[in-house]
Each structure stands twice: as C-alpha cells, then as structure tokens.
Amino acid sequence: MMNLTVNGESFELDGADIPALIRQLDANSGHVAIMLNDAVVPREKWDNTSLSAGDCIEVLTFAAGG
C-alpha cells in the first residue's frame, strides 16, 4: 500500500501506477484527466507513469452541460 493525496484527501493505493489508481477509484478512464504533482499526464503515458508515496494527484472528471 502506498499513501497518496487524491483530490485533496489521503488515499491508500494498492498498486504503483495510474491504471491501478483508476481501477481502485472505480472511475471510467474515458472520462477523466489526471494531474500528478500539478502536471497533466497525457493518457498515452498513464501505463508508464509510476506513482510514489506522497504524490499529489487530481482526478478531473468531464461533465457535459449547456
């Protein structure tokens, strides 16, 4: 387990990469953007981006509206 901050809250991740985070959050990966330590991580780099204890992550959800 790794301790991170996700959307401003303490979070224990059972994994070490962005896909593991998405699965644990039960989020729809097609409808989120990820910021890691204030930098956007392009979707094509998610599989190769390792997370470390203490990282700050923002999971941004897309919303439709008008």
PDB file of N, CA and C in Angstrom:
ATOM      1  N   MET A   1       0.843  -1.186   0.000  1.00  0.00           N
ATOM      2  CA  MET A   1       0.000   0.000   0.000  1.00  0.00           C
ATOM      3  C   MET A   1       0.888   1.249   0.000  1.00  0.00           C
ATOM      4  N   MET A   2       0.414   2.243  -0.713  1.00  0.00           N
ATOM      5  CA  MET A   2       1.147   3.493  -0.835  1.00  0.00           C
ATOM      6  C   MET A   2       0.204   4.640  -0.468  1.00  0.00           C
ATOM      7  N   ASN A   3       0.681   5.574   0.334  1.00  0.00           N
ATOM      8  CA  ASN A   3      -0.124   6.730   0.722  1.00  0.00           C
ATOM      9  C   ASN A   3       0.085   7.874  -0.264  1.00  0.00           C
ATOM     10  N   LEU A   4      -1.024   8.361  -0.803  1.00  0.00           N
ATOM     11  CA  LEU A   4      -1.040   9.476  -1.742  1.00  0.00           C
ATOM     12  C   LEU A   4      -2.073  10.490  -1.271  1.00  0.00           C
ATOM     13  N   THR A   5      -2.094  11.627  -1.926  1.00  0.00           N
ATOM     14  CA  THR A   5      -3.195  12.569  -1.756  1.00  0.00           C
ATOM     15  C   THR A   5      -3.939  12.603  -3.079  1.00  0.00           C
ATOM     16  N   VAL A   6      -5.221  12.266  -3.045  1.00  0.00           N
ATOM     17  CA  VAL A   6      -6.042  12.243  -4.249  1.00  0.00           C
ATOM     18  C   VAL A   6      -7.201  13.204  -4.032  1.00  0.00           C
ATOM     19  N   ASN A   7      -7.288  14.213  -4.895  1.00  0.00           N
ATOM     20  CA  ASN A   7      -8.319  15.239  -4.797  1.00  0.00           C
ATOM     21  C   ASN A   7      -8.385  15.829  -3.390  1.00  0.00           C
ATOM     22  N   GLY A   8      -7.209  16.060  -2.811  1.00  0.00           N
ATOM     23  CA  GLY A   8      -7.114  16.709  -1.515  1.00  0.00           C
ATOM     24  C   GLY A   8      -7.326  15.818  -0.311  1.00  0.00           C
ATOM     25  N   GLU A   9      -7.548  14.530  -0.528  1.00  0.00           N
ATOM     26  CA  GLU A   9      -7.811  13.592   0.561  1.00  0.00           C
ATOM     27  C   GLU A   9      -6.723  12.526   0.611  1.00  0.00           C
ATOM     28  N   SER A  10      -6.411  12.073   1.814  1.00  0.00           N
ATOM     29  CA  SER A  10      -5.463  10.971   1.978  1.00  0.00           C
ATOM     30  C   SER A  10      -6.048   9.713   1.336  1.00  0.00           C
ATOM     31  N   PHE A  11      -5.197   8.955   0.646  1.00  0.00           N
ATOM     32  CA  PHE A  11      -5.673   7.796  -0.108  1.00  0.00           C
ATOM     33  C   PHE A  11      -4.603   6.718  -0.078  1.00  0.00           C
ATOM     34  N   GLU A  12      -4.992   5.487   0.173  1.00  0.00           N
ATOM     35  CA  GLU A  12      -4.068   4.352   0.135  1.00  0.00           C
ATOM     36  C   GLU A  12      -4.273   3.592  -1.165  1.00  0.00           C
ATOM     37  N   LEU A  13      -3.221   3.551  -1.966  1.00  0.00           N
ATOM     38  CA  LEU A  13      -3.278   2.891  -3.265  1.00  0.00           C
ATOM     39  C   LEU A  13      -2.658   1.511  -3.172  1.00  0.00           C
ATOM     40  N   ASP A  14      -3.393   0.538  -3.676  1.00  0.00           N
ATOM     41  CA  ASP A  14      -2.893  -0.835  -3.761  1.00  0.00           C
ATOM     42  C   ASP A  14      -2.376  -1.042  -5.181  1.00  0.00           C
ATOM     43  N   GLY A  15      -1.224  -0.474  -5.475  1.00  0.00           N
ATOM     44  CA  GLY A  15      -0.630  -0.526  -6.804  1.00  0.00           C
ATOM     45  C   GLY A  15       0.423   0.554  -6.901  1.00  0.00           C
ATOM     46  N   ALA A  16       0.923   0.789  -8.108  1.00  0.00           N
ATOM     47  CA  ALA A  16       2.007   1.756  -8.241  1.00  0.00           C
ATOM     48  C   ALA A  16       1.933   2.585  -9.518  1.00  0.00           C
ATOM     49  N   ASP A  17       0.770   2.561 -10.204  1.00  0.00           N
ATOM     50  CA  ASP A  17       0.676   3.336 -11.429  1.00  0.00           C
ATOM     51  C   ASP A  17      -0.721   3.915 -11.594  1.00  0.00           C
ATOM     52  N   ILE A  18      -0.891   4.728 -12.610  1.00  0.00           N
ATOM     53  CA  ILE A  18      -2.172   5.406 -12.830  1.00  0.00           C
ATOM     54  C   ILE A  18      -3.299   4.427 -13.152  1.00  0.00           C
ATOM     55  N   PRO A  19      -3.094   3.408 -13.990  1.00  0.00           N
ATOM     56  CA  PRO A  19      -4.191   2.460 -14.214  1.00  0.00           C
ATOM     57  C   PRO A  19      -4.673   1.794 -12.918  1.00  0.00           C
ATOM     58  N   ALA A  20      -3.757   1.493 -11.999  1.00  0.00           N
ATOM     59  CA  ALA A  20      -4.164   0.913 -10.708  1.00  0.00           C
ATOM     60  C   ALA A  20      -5.019   1.902  -9.924  1.00  0.00           C
ATOM     61  N   LEU A  21      -4.648   3.164  -9.962  1.00  0.00           N
ATOM     62  CA  LEU A  21      -5.438   4.196  -9.282  1.00  0.00           C
ATOM     63  C   LEU A  21      -6.847   4.289  -9.873  1.00  0.00           C
ATOM     64  N   ILE A  22      -6.938   4.317 -11.192  1.00  0.00           N
ATOM     65  CA  ILE A  22      -8.234   4.407 -11.872  1.00  0.00           C
ATOM     66  C   ILE A  22      -9.105   3.211 -11.498  1.00  0.00           C
ATOM     67  N   ARG A  23      -8.514   2.016 -11.490  1.00  0.00           N
ATOM     68  CA  ARG A  23      -9.288   0.817 -11.122  1.00  0.00           C
ATOM     69  C   ARG A  23      -9.769   0.904  -9.675  1.00  0.00           C
ATOM     70  N   GLN A  24      -8.882   1.310  -8.774  1.00  0.00           N
ATOM     71  CA  GLN A  24      -9.255   1.367  -7.361  1.00  0.00           C
ATOM     72  C   GLN A  24     -10.323   2.431  -7.107  1.00  0.00           C
ATOM     73  N   LEU A  25     -10.288   3.521  -7.849  1.00  0.00           N
ATOM     74  CA  LEU A  25     -11.316   4.559  -7.718  1.00  0.00           C
ATOM     75  C   LEU A  25     -12.607   4.157  -8.411  1.00  0.00           C
ATOM     76  N   ASP A  26     -12.558   3.082  -9.196  1.00  0.00           N
ATOM     77  CA  ASP A  26     -13.693   2.626  -9.988  1.00  0.00           C
ATOM     78  C   ASP A  26     -14.188   3.744 -10.910  1.00  0.00           C
ATOM     79  N   ALA A  27     -13.226   4.456 -11.490  1.00  0.00           N
ATOM     80  CA  ALA A  27     -13.539   5.570 -12.385  1.00  0.00           C
ATOM     81  C   ALA A  27     -13.557   5.084 -13.825  1.00  0.00           C
ATOM     82  N   ASN A  28     -14.303   5.769 -14.650  1.00  0.00           N
ATOM     83  CA  ASN A  28     -14.335   5.480 -16.076  1.00  0.00           C
ATOM     84  C   ASN A  28     -13.148   6.196 -16.712  1.00  0.00           C
ATOM     85  N   SER A  29     -12.133   5.457 -17.113  1.00  0.00           N
ATOM     86  CA  SER A  29     -10.899   6.061 -17.617  1.00  0.00           C
ATOM     87  C   SER A  29     -11.118   6.914 -18.860  1.00  0.00           C
ATOM     88  N   GLY A  30     -12.213   6.700 -19.558  1.00  0.00           N
ATOM     89  CA  GLY A  30     -12.506   7.505 -20.741  1.00  0.00           C
ATOM     90  C   GLY A  30     -13.043   8.876 -20.421  1.00  0.00           C
ATOM     91  N   HIS A  31     -13.369   9.112 -19.151  1.00  0.00           N
ATOM     92  CA  HIS A  31     -13.984  10.383 -18.771  1.00  0.00           C
ATOM     93  C   HIS A  31     -13.223  11.132 -17.687  1.00  0.00           C
ATOM     94  N   VAL A  32     -11.913  10.853 -17.535  1.00  0.00           N
ATOM     95  CA  VAL A  32     -11.128  11.553 -16.533  1.00  0.00           C
ATOM     96  C   VAL A  32      -9.811  12.047 -17.129  1.00  0.00           C
ATOM     97  N   ALA A  33      -9.266  13.058 -16.484  1.00  0.00           N
ATOM     98  CA  ALA A  33      -7.908  13.539 -16.762  1.00  0.00           C
ATOM     99  C   ALA A  33      -7.152  13.439 -15.442  1.00  0.00           C
ATOM    100  N   ILE A  34      -5.863  13.241 -15.529  1.00  0.00           N
ATOM    101  CA  ILE A  34      -5.042  13.058 -14.336  1.00  0.00           C
ATOM    102  C   ILE A  34      -3.973  14.146 -14.277  1.00  0.00           C
ATOM    103  N   MET A  35      -3.876  14.774 -13.107  1.00  0.00           N
ATOM    104  CA  MET A  35      -2.771  15.685 -12.823  1.00  0.00           C
ATOM    105  C   MET A  35      -1.936  15.046 -11.723  1.00  0.00           C
ATOM    106  N   LEU A  36      -0.653  14.954 -11.949  1.00  0.00           N
ATOM    107  CA  LEU A  36       0.284  14.376 -10.987  1.00  0.00           C
ATOM    108  C   LEU A  36       1.247  15.470 -10.566  1.00  0.00           C
ATOM    109  N   ASN A  37       1.178  15.841  -9.300  1.00  0.00           N
ATOM    110  CA  ASN A  37       2.044  16.901  -8.771  1.00  0.00           C
ATOM    111  C   ASN A  37       1.986  18.153  -9.649  1.00  0.00           C
ATOM    112  N   ASP A  38       0.760  18.589  -9.951  1.00  0.00           N
ATOM    113  CA  ASP A  38       0.468  19.823 -10.704  1.00  0.00           C
ATOM    114  C   ASP A  38       0.811  19.776 -12.188  1.00  0.00           C
ATOM    115  N   ALA A  39       1.052  18.597 -12.736  1.00  0.00           N
ATOM    116  CA  ALA A  39       1.316  18.468 -14.168  1.00  0.00           C
ATOM    117  C   ALA A  39       0.342  17.455 -14.771  1.00  0.00           C
ATOM    118  N   VAL A  40      -0.255  17.815 -15.893  1.00  0.00           N
ATOM    119  CA  VAL A  40      -1.167  16.902 -16.570  1.00  0.00           C
ATOM    120  C   VAL A  40      -0.367  15.735 -17.141  1.00  0.00           C
ATOM    121  N   VAL A  41      -0.884  14.530 -16.939  1.00  0.00           N
ATOM    122  CA  VAL A  41      -0.249  13.330 -17.502  1.00  0.00           C
ATOM    123  C   VAL A  41      -1.069  12.910 -18.719  1.00  0.00           C
ATOM    124  N   PRO A  42      -0.499  12.996 -19.922  1.00  0.00           N
ATOM    125  CA  PRO A  42      -1.241  12.576 -21.117  1.00  0.00           C
ATOM    126  C   PRO A  42      -1.653  11.114 -21.011  1.00  0.00           C
ATOM    127  N   ARG A  43      -2.833  10.818 -21.475  1.00  0.00           N
ATOM    128  CA  ARG A  43      -3.393   9.466 -21.391  1.00  0.00           C
ATOM    129  C   ARG A  43      -2.438   8.405 -21.956  1.00  0.00           C
ATOM    130  N   GLU A  44      -1.732   8.726 -23.021  1.00  0.00           N
ATOM    131  CA  GLU A  44      -0.828   7.734 -23.619  1.00  0.00           C
ATOM    132  C   GLU A  44       0.378   7.422 -22.724  1.00  0.00           C
ATOM    133  N   LYS A  45       0.586   8.203 -21.663  1.00  0.00           N
ATOM    134  CA  LYS A  45       1.689   7.946 -20.737  1.00  0.00           C
ATOM    135  C   LYS A  45       1.234   7.311 -19.423  1.00  0.00           C
ATOM    136  N   TRP A  46      -0.065   7.088 -19.256  1.00  0.00           N
ATOM    137  CA  TRP A  46      -0.575   6.536 -17.996  1.00  0.00           C
ATOM    138  C   TRP A  46       0.072   5.203 -17.649  1.00  0.00           C
ATOM    139  N   ASP A  47       0.195   4.294 -18.610  1.00  0.00           N
ATOM    140  CA  ASP A  47       0.736   2.958 -18.336  1.00  0.00           C
ATOM    141  C   ASP A  47       2.196   2.987 -17.895  1.00  0.00           C
ATOM    142  N   ASN A  48       2.919   4.016 -18.289  1.00  0.00           N
ATOM    143  CA  ASN A  48       4.346   4.094 -17.989  1.00  0.00           C
ATOM    144  C   ASN A  48       4.684   5.131 -16.925  1.00  0.00           C
ATOM    145  N   THR A  49       3.671   5.665 -16.250  1.00  0.00           N
ATOM    146  CA  THR A  49       3.907   6.660 -15.214  1.00  0.00           C
ATOM    147  C   THR A  49       3.754   6.007 -13.850  1.00  0.00           C
ATOM    148  N   SER A  50       4.868   5.886 -13.150  1.00  0.00           N
ATOM    149  CA  SER A  50       4.850   5.298 -11.808  1.00  0.00           C
ATOM    150  C   SER A  50       4.467   6.364 -10.787  1.00  0.00           C
ATOM    151  N   LEU A  51       3.784   5.930  -9.759  1.00  0.00           N
ATOM    152  CA  LEU A  51       3.420   6.815  -8.660  1.00  0.00           C
ATOM    153  C   LEU A  51       4.315   6.511  -7.471  1.00  0.00           C
ATOM    154  N   SER A  52       4.539   7.521  -6.639  1.00  0.00           N
ATOM    155  CA  SER A  52       5.386   7.377  -5.455  1.00  0.00           C
ATOM    156  C   SER A  52       4.630   7.853  -4.230  1.00  0.00           C
ATOM    157  N   ALA A  53       4.978   7.289  -3.087  1.00  0.00           N
ATOM    158  CA  ALA A  53       4.366   7.718  -1.827  1.00  0.00           C
ATOM    159  C   ALA A  53       4.511   9.231  -1.700  1.00  0.00           C
ATOM    160  N   GLY A  54       3.434   9.879  -1.288  1.00  0.00           N
ATOM    161  CA  GLY A  54       3.439  11.320  -1.094  1.00  0.00           C
ATOM    162  C   GLY A  54       3.017  12.118  -2.311  1.00  0.00           C
ATOM    163  N   ASP A  55       2.844  11.464  -3.471  1.00  0.00           N
ATOM    164  CA  ASP A  55       2.402  12.182  -4.662  1.00  0.00           C
ATOM    165  C   ASP A  55       1.034  12.812  -4.425  1.00  0.00           C
ATOM    166  N   CYS A  56       0.812  13.960  -5.074  1.00  0.00           N
ATOM    167  CA  CYS A  56      -0.489  14.625  -5.050  1.00  0.00           C
ATOM    168  C   CYS A  56      -1.120  14.465  -6.427  1.00  0.00           C
ATOM    169  N   ILE A  57      -2.306  13.879  -6.438  1.00  0.00           N
ATOM    170  CA  ILE A  57      -2.991  13.583  -7.704  1.00  0.00           C
ATOM    171  C   ILE A  57      -4.361  14.233  -7.691  1.00  0.00           C
ATOM    172  N   GLU A  58      -4.709  14.828  -8.801  1.00  0.00           N
ATOM    173  CA  GLU A  58      -6.055  15.341  -9.017  1.00  0.00           C
ATOM    174  C   GLU A  58      -6.673  14.521 -10.133  1.00  0.00           C
ATOM    175  N   VAL A  59      -7.839  13.965  -9.869  1.00  0.00           N
ATOM    176  CA  VAL A  59      -8.581  13.220 -10.878  1.00  0.00           C
ATOM    177  C   VAL A  59      -9.721  14.129 -11.298  1.00  0.00           C
ATOM    178  N   LEU A  60      -9.659  14.612 -12.513  1.00  0.00           N
ATOM    179  CA  LEU A  60     -10.630  15.559 -13.030  1.00  0.00           C
ATOM    180  C   LEU A  60     -11.637  14.820 -13.892  1.00  0.00           C
ATOM    181  N   THR A  61     -12.907  15.004 -13.596  1.00  0.00           N
ATOM    182  CA  THR A  61     -13.977  14.319 -14.312  1.00  0.00           C
ATOM    183  C   THR A  61     -14.627  15.274 -15.298  1.00  0.00           C
ATOM    184  N   PHE A  62     -14.836  14.804 -16.502  1.00  0.00           N
ATOM    185  CA  PHE A  62     -15.504  15.603 -17.516  1.00  0.00           C
ATOM    186  C   PHE A  62     -17.008  15.577 -17.281  1.00  0.00           C
ATOM    187  N   ALA A  63     -17.632  16.723 -17.472  1.00  0.00           N
ATOM    188  CA  ALA A  63     -19.081  16.807 -17.306  1.00  0.00           C
ATOM    189  C   ALA A  63     -19.677  17.518 -18.507  1.00  0.00           C
ATOM    190  N   ALA A  64     -20.781  17.005 -18.988  1.00  0.00           N
ATOM    191  CA  ALA A  64     -21.483  17.633 -20.102  1.00  0.00           C
ATOM    192  C   ALA A  64     -22.504  18.608 -19.532  1.00  0.00           C
ATOM    193  N   GLY A  65     -22.783  19.595 -20.284  1.00  0.00           N
ATOM    194  CA  GLY A  65     -23.775  20.557 -19.815  1.00  0.00           C
ATOM    195  C   GLY A  65     -24.020  21.613 -20.868  1.00  0.00           C
ATOM    196  N   GLY A  66     -24.892  22.497 -20.523  1.00  0.00           N
ATOM    197  CA  GLY A  66     -25.175  23.507 -21.533  1.00  0.00           C
ATOM    198  C   GLY A  66     -25.841  24.689 -21.011  1.00  0.00           C
TER     199      GLY A  66
END
